[in-house]
Amino acid sequence: MALALYGVDYSPNVERARLALAWKGLEFERAWIDFDDRSLVLELSGQDRVPVLEHDATVIAGSMAIVAHLEERFPEPSLTPADGDLARAAEAFVAWFEGPWKAAFNGLVGELQSGSGESSAAREHDAALAAGLDRMEALLDGRDFLFGTFSAADIAAYPFVGRAAGLAPDDDALPEVVMRDHQRLGQAHPRLRAWIARLDGLPAGYGPRGPEAR
């Protein structure tokens, strides 16, 4: 078995793949590319975004597609709640995060890039991100993780939402600014703060505060 992860530093999508690989205890080659030269990834996968996972003769592009592949090929330790209802709810959460949540996130980044940070569209995107925090706060009522046990849902959200607690405070790239400054954790989000701290405290290598991949 050979695993190689193609990525760049500080990417929340790459962090997702690293989280899944580390959770499953899988050794992999760290194949980081030049941020401005995507030719290797384009040749390998037919598209230029990271992460890309090469698993023997199989190439998988996209962070949550990589998580799903690893869950299928290496089912233990699992990233799927054992309870069927929770498993389906976790799957729906990932679909929401990859769909409406990311649409709001990318939309706000676009508005800020165009200098339209005070537009009605920007305010709508900002409100959608705030509602997302409230949704996750509610899910954590009585739970350590979003759906009871650590799952793909936590992996989907944490690298993005964790910035709300101040990760990468000096990064002024617009995606980082949106993750950090447009997700406001207040007194109404104590469970979400605790969840972020809990994932921050996972063993070294699991998340953005751990060392680079083994």
C-alpha atoms as a PDB file:
ATOM      1  CA  MET A   1       0.000   0.000   0.000  1.00  0.00           C
ATOM      2  CA  ALA A   2       1.375   3.407  -0.982  1.00  0.00           C
ATOM      3  CA  LEU A   3      -0.287   6.690  -0.052  1.00  0.00           C
ATOM      4  CA  ALA A   4       0.847  10.132  -1.186  1.00  0.00           C
ATOM      5  CA  LEU A   5      -0.942  13.354  -0.296  1.00  0.00           C
ATOM      6  CA  TYR A   6      -0.449  16.352  -2.580  1.00  0.00           C
ATOM      7  CA  GLY A   7      -1.098  19.654  -0.887  1.00  0.00           C
ATOM      8  CA  VAL A   8       0.097  23.038   0.318  1.00  0.00           C
ATOM      9  CA  ASP A   9       0.611  24.519   3.763  1.00  0.00           C
ATOM     10  CA  TYR A  10      -2.211  26.255   5.651  1.00  0.00           C
ATOM     11  CA  SER A  11      -5.003  24.886   3.467  1.00  0.00           C
ATOM     12  CA  PRO A  12      -8.089  23.881   5.495  1.00  0.00           C
ATOM     13  CA  ASN A  13      -9.037  21.398   2.786  1.00  0.00           C
ATOM     14  CA  VAL A  14      -5.615  19.762   2.999  1.00  0.00           C
ATOM     15  CA  GLU A  15      -5.972  19.710   6.784  1.00  0.00           C
ATOM     16  CA  ARG A  16      -9.141  17.669   6.360  1.00  0.00           C
ATOM     17  CA  ALA A  17      -7.234  14.969   4.498  1.00  0.00           C
ATOM     18  CA  ARG A  18      -4.430  15.020   7.056  1.00  0.00           C
ATOM     19  CA  LEU A  19      -6.948  14.646   9.875  1.00  0.00           C
ATOM     20  CA  ALA A  20      -8.470  11.557   8.276  1.00  0.00           C
ATOM     21  CA  LEU A  21      -5.090   9.976   7.528  1.00  0.00           C
ATOM     22  CA  ALA A  22      -3.850  10.612  11.045  1.00  0.00           C
ATOM     23  CA  TRP A  23      -7.077   9.350  12.656  1.00  0.00           C
ATOM     24  CA  LYS A  24      -6.709   6.094  10.786  1.00  0.00           C
ATOM     25  CA  GLY A  25      -3.015   5.829  11.619  1.00  0.00           C
ATOM     26  CA  LEU A  26      -1.924   5.710   7.985  1.00  0.00           C
ATOM     27  CA  GLU A  27       1.618   6.489   6.893  1.00  0.00           C
ATOM     28  CA  PHE A  28       1.801   8.635   3.777  1.00  0.00           C
ATOM     29  CA  GLU A  29       4.208  10.588   1.637  1.00  0.00           C
ATOM     30  CA  ARG A  30       3.877  14.344   2.013  1.00  0.00           C
ATOM     31  CA  ALA A  31       4.055  15.674  -1.543  1.00  0.00           C
ATOM     32  CA  TRP A  32       3.681  19.429  -1.118  1.00  0.00           C
ATOM     33  CA  ILE A  33       3.589  21.499  -4.294  1.00  0.00           C
ATOM     34  CA  ASP A  34       4.477  25.111  -5.069  1.00  0.00           C
ATOM     35  CA  PHE A  35       1.352  27.178  -4.421  1.00  0.00           C
ATOM     36  CA  ASP A  36       1.770  28.975  -7.762  1.00  0.00           C
ATOM     37  CA  ASP A  37       2.667  25.891  -9.819  1.00  0.00           C
ATOM     38  CA  ARG A  38      -0.158  23.359  -9.985  1.00  0.00           C
ATOM     39  CA  SER A  39       1.195  21.476 -13.018  1.00  0.00           C
ATOM     40  CA  LEU A  40       1.984  18.306 -11.074  1.00  0.00           C
ATOM     41  CA  VAL A  41      -1.506  18.104  -9.579  1.00  0.00           C
ATOM     42  CA  LEU A  42      -3.090  18.960 -12.934  1.00  0.00           C
ATOM     43  CA  GLU A  43      -1.170  16.185 -14.682  1.00  0.00           C
ATOM     44  CA  LEU A  44      -1.984  13.690 -11.940  1.00  0.00           C
ATOM     45  CA  SER A  45      -5.680  14.415 -11.402  1.00  0.00           C
ATOM     46  CA  GLY A  46      -6.910  16.463 -14.362  1.00  0.00           C
ATOM     47  CA  GLN A  47      -7.659  19.482 -12.168  1.00  0.00           C
ATOM     48  CA  ASP A  48      -5.495  21.936 -10.231  1.00  0.00           C
ATOM     49  CA  ARG A  49      -6.900  21.987  -6.701  1.00  0.00           C
ATOM     50  CA  VAL A  50      -5.485  20.332  -3.606  1.00  0.00           C
ATOM     51  CA  PRO A  51      -5.648  18.033  -1.798  1.00  0.00           C
ATOM     52  CA  VAL A  52      -5.129  15.098  -4.096  1.00  0.00           C
ATOM     53  CA  LEU A  53      -4.505  11.600  -2.743  1.00  0.00           C
ATOM     54  CA  GLU A  54      -2.646   8.952  -4.702  1.00  0.00           C
ATOM     55  CA  HIS A  55      -3.411   5.489  -3.323  1.00  0.00           C
ATOM     56  CA  ASP A  56      -1.536   2.855  -5.286  1.00  0.00           C
ATOM     57  CA  ALA A  57      -3.008   3.291  -8.796  1.00  0.00           C
ATOM     58  CA  THR A  58      -6.035   5.311  -7.638  1.00  0.00           C
ATOM     59  CA  VAL A  59      -6.109   9.121  -7.662  1.00  0.00           C
ATOM     60  CA  ILE A  60      -8.716  10.983  -5.606  1.00  0.00           C
ATOM     61  CA  ALA A  61      -9.207  14.761  -5.780  1.00  0.00           C
ATOM     62  CA  GLY A  62     -11.083  16.792  -3.174  1.00  0.00           C
ATOM     63  CA  SER A  63     -10.876  16.727   0.596  1.00  0.00           C
ATOM     64  CA  MET A  64     -14.162  15.040   1.480  1.00  0.00           C
ATOM     65  CA  ALA A  65     -13.836  12.609  -1.435  1.00  0.00           C
ATOM     66  CA  ILE A  66     -10.498  11.620   0.099  1.00  0.00           C
ATOM     67  CA  VAL A  67     -12.120  11.220   3.521  1.00  0.00           C
ATOM     68  CA  ALA A  68     -14.840   9.003   1.999  1.00  0.00           C
ATOM     69  CA  HIS A  69     -12.244   6.910   0.148  1.00  0.00           C
ATOM     70  CA  LEU A  70     -10.214   6.356   3.303  1.00  0.00           C
ATOM     71  CA  GLU A  71     -13.337   5.418   5.243  1.00  0.00           C
ATOM     72  CA  GLU A  72     -14.262   2.843   2.604  1.00  0.00           C
ATOM     73  CA  ARG A  73     -10.789   1.339   2.221  1.00  0.00           C
ATOM     74  CA  PHE A  74      -9.680   1.601   5.869  1.00  0.00           C
ATOM     75  CA  PRO A  75     -12.894   1.362   7.907  1.00  0.00           C
ATOM     76  CA  GLU A  76     -11.232   1.184  11.332  1.00  0.00           C
ATOM     77  CA  PRO A  77     -11.078   3.342  13.314  1.00  0.00           C
ATOM     78  CA  SER A  78     -14.339   4.530  11.879  1.00  0.00           C
ATOM     79  CA  LEU A  79     -15.333   8.033  10.857  1.00  0.00           C
ATOM     80  CA  THR A  80     -19.006   7.034  10.685  1.00  0.00           C
ATOM     81  CA  PRO A  81     -21.286   7.060  13.762  1.00  0.00           C
ATOM     82  CA  ALA A  82     -22.385   3.529  14.687  1.00  0.00           C
ATOM     83  CA  ASP A  83     -26.014   4.624  15.101  1.00  0.00           C
ATOM     84  CA  GLY A  84     -27.724   4.587  11.710  1.00  0.00           C
ATOM     85  CA  ASP A  85     -29.752   7.749  12.283  1.00  0.00           C
ATOM     86  CA  LEU A  86     -26.668   9.644  13.415  1.00  0.00           C
ATOM     87  CA  ALA A  87     -24.696   8.301  10.454  1.00  0.00           C
ATOM     88  CA  ARG A  88     -27.331   9.623   8.036  1.00  0.00           C
ATOM     89  CA  ALA A  89     -27.473  12.937   9.890  1.00  0.00           C
ATOM     90  CA  ALA A  90     -23.678  13.243   9.722  1.00  0.00           C
ATOM     91  CA  GLU A  91     -23.776  12.552   5.982  1.00  0.00           C
ATOM     92  CA  ALA A  92     -26.427  15.252   5.525  1.00  0.00           C
ATOM     93  CA  PHE A  93     -24.323  17.668   7.578  1.00  0.00           C
ATOM     94  CA  VAL A  94     -21.307  17.134   5.322  1.00  0.00           C
ATOM     95  CA  ALA A  95     -23.510  17.760   2.268  1.00  0.00           C
ATOM     96  CA  TRP A  96     -24.774  21.003   3.869  1.00  0.00           C
ATOM     97  CA  PHE A  97     -21.262  22.120   4.774  1.00  0.00           C
ATOM     98  CA  GLU A  98     -19.943  21.399   1.290  1.00  0.00           C
ATOM     99  CA  GLY A  99     -23.000  23.037  -0.311  1.00  0.00           C
ATOM    100  CA  PRO A 100     -24.773  25.973   1.369  1.00  0.00           C
ATOM    101  CA  TRP A 101     -22.068  26.677   3.966  1.00  0.00           C
ATOM    102  CA  LYS A 102     -19.241  26.789   1.420  1.00  0.00           C
ATOM    103  CA  ALA A 103     -21.420  28.818  -0.953  1.00  0.00           C
ATOM    104  CA  ALA A 104     -21.788  31.463   1.762  1.00  0.00           C
ATOM    105  CA  PHE A 105     -18.101  31.287   2.609  1.00  0.00           C
ATOM    106  CA  ASN A 106     -16.923  31.561  -1.002  1.00  0.00           C
ATOM    107  CA  GLY A 107     -19.529  34.238  -1.695  1.00  0.00           C
ATOM    108  CA  LEU A 108     -18.258  36.402   1.155  1.00  0.00           C
ATOM    109  CA  VAL A 109     -14.649  35.934   0.043  1.00  0.00           C
ATOM    110  CA  GLY A 110     -15.713  37.062  -3.434  1.00  0.00           C
ATOM    111  CA  GLU A 111     -17.526  40.127  -2.119  1.00  0.00           C
ATOM    112  CA  LEU A 112     -14.509  41.159  -0.038  1.00  0.00           C
ATOM    113  CA  GLN A 113     -12.158  40.614  -2.976  1.00  0.00           C
ATOM    114  CA  SER A 114     -14.273  42.919  -5.122  1.00  0.00           C
ATOM    115  CA  GLY A 115     -14.410  45.600  -2.422  1.00  0.00           C
ATOM    116  CA  SER A 116     -18.101  44.948  -1.764  1.00  0.00           C
ATOM    117  CA  GLY A 117     -17.813  43.899   1.866  1.00  0.00           C
ATOM    118  CA  GLU A 118     -20.766  46.101   2.867  1.00  0.00           C
ATOM    119  CA  SER A 119     -23.125  44.896   0.117  1.00  0.00           C
ATOM    120  CA  SER A 120     -26.433  43.186   0.825  1.00  0.00           C
ATOM    121  CA  ALA A 121     -24.997  39.962  -0.620  1.00  0.00           C
ATOM    122  CA  ALA A 122     -22.038  40.158   1.763  1.00  0.00           C
ATOM    123  CA  ARG A 123     -24.397  40.676   4.696  1.00  0.00           C
ATOM    124  CA  GLU A 124     -26.456  37.669   3.630  1.00  0.00           C
ATOM    125  CA  HIS A 125     -23.348  35.488   3.396  1.00  0.00           C
ATOM    126  CA  ASP A 126     -22.163  36.762   6.778  1.00  0.00           C
ATOM    127  CA  ALA A 127     -25.543  35.926   8.316  1.00  0.00           C
ATOM    128  CA  ALA A 128     -25.434  32.425   6.813  1.00  0.00           C
ATOM    129  CA  LEU A 129     -22.061  31.768   8.433  1.00  0.00           C
ATOM    130  CA  ALA A 130     -23.399  33.021  11.764  1.00  0.00           C
ATOM    131  CA  ALA A 131     -26.404  30.698  11.433  1.00  0.00           C
ATOM    132  CA  GLY A 132     -23.974  27.857  10.744  1.00  0.00           C
ATOM    133  CA  LEU A 133     -22.245  28.479  14.056  1.00  0.00           C
ATOM    134  CA  ASP A 134     -25.620  28.381  15.814  1.00  0.00           C
ATOM    135  CA  ARG A 135     -26.457  25.106  14.087  1.00  0.00           C
ATOM    136  CA  MET A 136     -23.221  23.511  15.254  1.00  0.00           C
ATOM    137  CA  GLU A 137     -23.682  24.863  18.770  1.00  0.00           C
ATOM    138  CA  ALA A 138     -27.073  23.149  18.905  1.00  0.00           C
ATOM    139  CA  LEU A 139     -25.674  19.867  17.583  1.00  0.00           C
ATOM    140  CA  LEU A 140     -23.104  19.812  20.396  1.00  0.00           C
ATOM    141  CA  ASP A 141     -25.734  19.865  23.126  1.00  0.00           C
ATOM    142  CA  GLY A 142     -24.797  16.859  25.278  1.00  0.00           C
ATOM    143  CA  ARG A 143     -22.139  15.688  22.795  1.00  0.00           C
ATOM    144  CA  ASP A 144     -18.363  15.915  22.612  1.00  0.00           C
ATOM    145  CA  PHE A 145     -18.484  15.792  18.803  1.00  0.00           C
ATOM    146  CA  LEU A 146     -21.085  16.908  16.286  1.00  0.00           C
ATOM    147  CA  PHE A 147     -22.716  13.484  16.005  1.00  0.00           C
ATOM    148  CA  GLY A 148     -21.613  11.828  19.225  1.00  0.00           C
ATOM    149  CA  THR A 149     -18.315  10.297  18.126  1.00  0.00           C
ATOM    150  CA  PHE A 150     -15.546  11.839  16.044  1.00  0.00           C
ATOM    151  CA  SER A 151     -16.690  11.589  12.446  1.00  0.00           C
ATOM    152  CA  ALA A 152     -16.328  12.932   8.927  1.00  0.00           C
ATOM    153  CA  ALA A 153     -18.660  15.761   9.980  1.00  0.00           C
ATOM    154  CA  ASP A 154     -16.100  17.037  12.483  1.00  0.00           C
ATOM    155  CA  ILE A 155     -13.381  16.751   9.847  1.00  0.00           C
ATOM    156  CA  ALA A 156     -15.491  18.743   7.371  1.00  0.00           C
ATOM    157  CA  ALA A 157     -16.095  21.649   9.742  1.00  0.00           C
ATOM    158  CA  TYR A 158     -13.131  21.933  12.093  1.00  0.00           C
ATOM    159  CA  PRO A 159     -10.378  23.268   9.777  1.00  0.00           C
ATOM    160  CA  PHE A 160     -12.725  26.089   8.744  1.00  0.00           C
ATOM    161  CA  VAL A 161     -14.602  26.779  11.974  1.00  0.00           C
ATOM    162  CA  GLY A 162     -11.535  26.335  14.197  1.00  0.00           C
ATOM    163  CA  ARG A 163     -10.222  29.678  12.934  1.00  0.00           C
ATOM    164  CA  ALA A 164     -13.107  31.321  14.774  1.00  0.00           C
ATOM    165  CA  ALA A 165     -11.164  30.639  17.973  1.00  0.00           C
ATOM    166  CA  GLY A 166      -8.132  32.509  16.696  1.00  0.00           C
ATOM    167  CA  LEU A 167      -6.038  30.019  14.724  1.00  0.00           C
ATOM    168  CA  ALA A 168      -3.585  31.720  12.322  1.00  0.00           C
ATOM    169  CA  PRO A 169      -4.180  35.206  13.811  1.00  0.00           C
ATOM    170  CA  ASP A 170      -1.602  36.903  11.570  1.00  0.00           C
ATOM    171  CA  ASP A 171      -2.743  35.518   8.223  1.00  0.00           C
ATOM    172  CA  ASP A 172      -4.305  38.309   6.173  1.00  0.00           C
ATOM    173  CA  ALA A 173      -5.332  36.217   3.152  1.00  0.00           C
ATOM    174  CA  LEU A 174      -9.032  36.803   2.520  1.00  0.00           C
ATOM    175  CA  PRO A 175     -10.168  33.186   3.038  1.00  0.00           C
ATOM    176  CA  GLU A 176      -8.379  33.209   6.405  1.00  0.00           C
ATOM    177  CA  VAL A 177      -9.921  36.567   7.302  1.00  0.00           C
ATOM    178  CA  VAL A 178     -13.408  35.204   6.597  1.00  0.00           C
ATOM    179  CA  MET A 179     -12.775  32.052   8.643  1.00  0.00           C
ATOM    180  CA  ARG A 180     -11.373  34.036  11.552  1.00  0.00           C
ATOM    181  CA  ASP A 181     -13.117  37.420  11.566  1.00  0.00           C
ATOM    182  CA  HIS A 182     -16.531  36.642  10.072  1.00  0.00           C
ATOM    183  CA  GLN A 183     -17.348  33.737  12.379  1.00  0.00           C
ATOM    184  CA  ARG A 184     -17.901  35.404  15.714  1.00  0.00           C
ATOM    185  CA  LEU A 185     -17.911  33.098  18.697  1.00  0.00           C
ATOM    186  CA  GLY A 186     -19.724  34.865  21.524  1.00  0.00           C
ATOM    187  CA  GLN A 187     -21.232  33.880  24.829  1.00  0.00           C
ATOM    188  CA  ALA A 188     -23.865  31.940  22.891  1.00  0.00           C
ATOM    189  CA  HIS A 189     -21.294  29.388  21.691  1.00  0.00           C
ATOM    190  CA  PRO A 190     -19.671  27.759  24.734  1.00  0.00           C
ATOM    191  CA  ARG A 191     -20.086  24.220  23.379  1.00  0.00           C
ATOM    192  CA  LEU A 192     -18.546  25.210  20.060  1.00  0.00           C
ATOM    193  CA  ARG A 193     -15.576  26.771  21.838  1.00  0.00           C
ATOM    194  CA  ALA A 194     -15.125  23.574  23.833  1.00  0.00           C
ATOM    195  CA  TRP A 195     -15.389  21.468  20.654  1.00  0.00           C
ATOM    196  CA  ILE A 196     -12.691  23.532  18.952  1.00  0.00           C
ATOM    197  CA  ALA A 197     -10.438  23.164  22.001  1.00  0.00           C
ATOM    198  CA  ARG A 198     -11.150  19.426  22.075  1.00  0.00           C
ATOM    199  CA  LEU A 199     -10.084  19.014  18.453  1.00  0.00           C
ATOM    200  CA  ASP A 200      -7.110  21.318  18.961  1.00  0.00           C
ATOM    201  CA  GLY A 201      -6.041  18.870  21.678  1.00  0.00           C
ATOM    202  CA  LEU A 202      -6.101  15.746  19.545  1.00  0.00           C
ATOM    203  CA  PRO A 203      -2.737  13.916  19.381  1.00  0.00           C
ATOM    204  CA  ALA A 204       0.015  15.545  17.349  1.00  0.00           C
ATOM    205  CA  GLY A 205      -0.518  15.389  13.628  1.00  0.00           C
ATOM    206  CA  TYR A 206      -4.319  15.419  13.684  1.00  0.00           C
ATOM    207  CA  GLY A 207      -4.968  19.062  13.023  1.00  0.00           C
ATOM    208  CA  PRO A 208      -3.618  22.513  12.200  1.00  0.00           C
ATOM    209  CA  ARG A 209      -1.725  22.868  15.475  1.00  0.00           C
ATOM    210  CA  GLY A 210       0.007  19.508  15.073  1.00  0.00           C
ATOM    211  CA  PRO A 211       3.253  19.011  13.167  1.00  0.00           C
ATOM    212  CA  GLU A 212       3.333  18.314   9.472  1.00  0.00           C
ATOM    213  CA  ALA A 213       2.379  14.868   8.228  1.00  0.00           C
ATOM    214  CA  ARG A 214       4.617  12.023   9.205  1.00  0.00           C
END
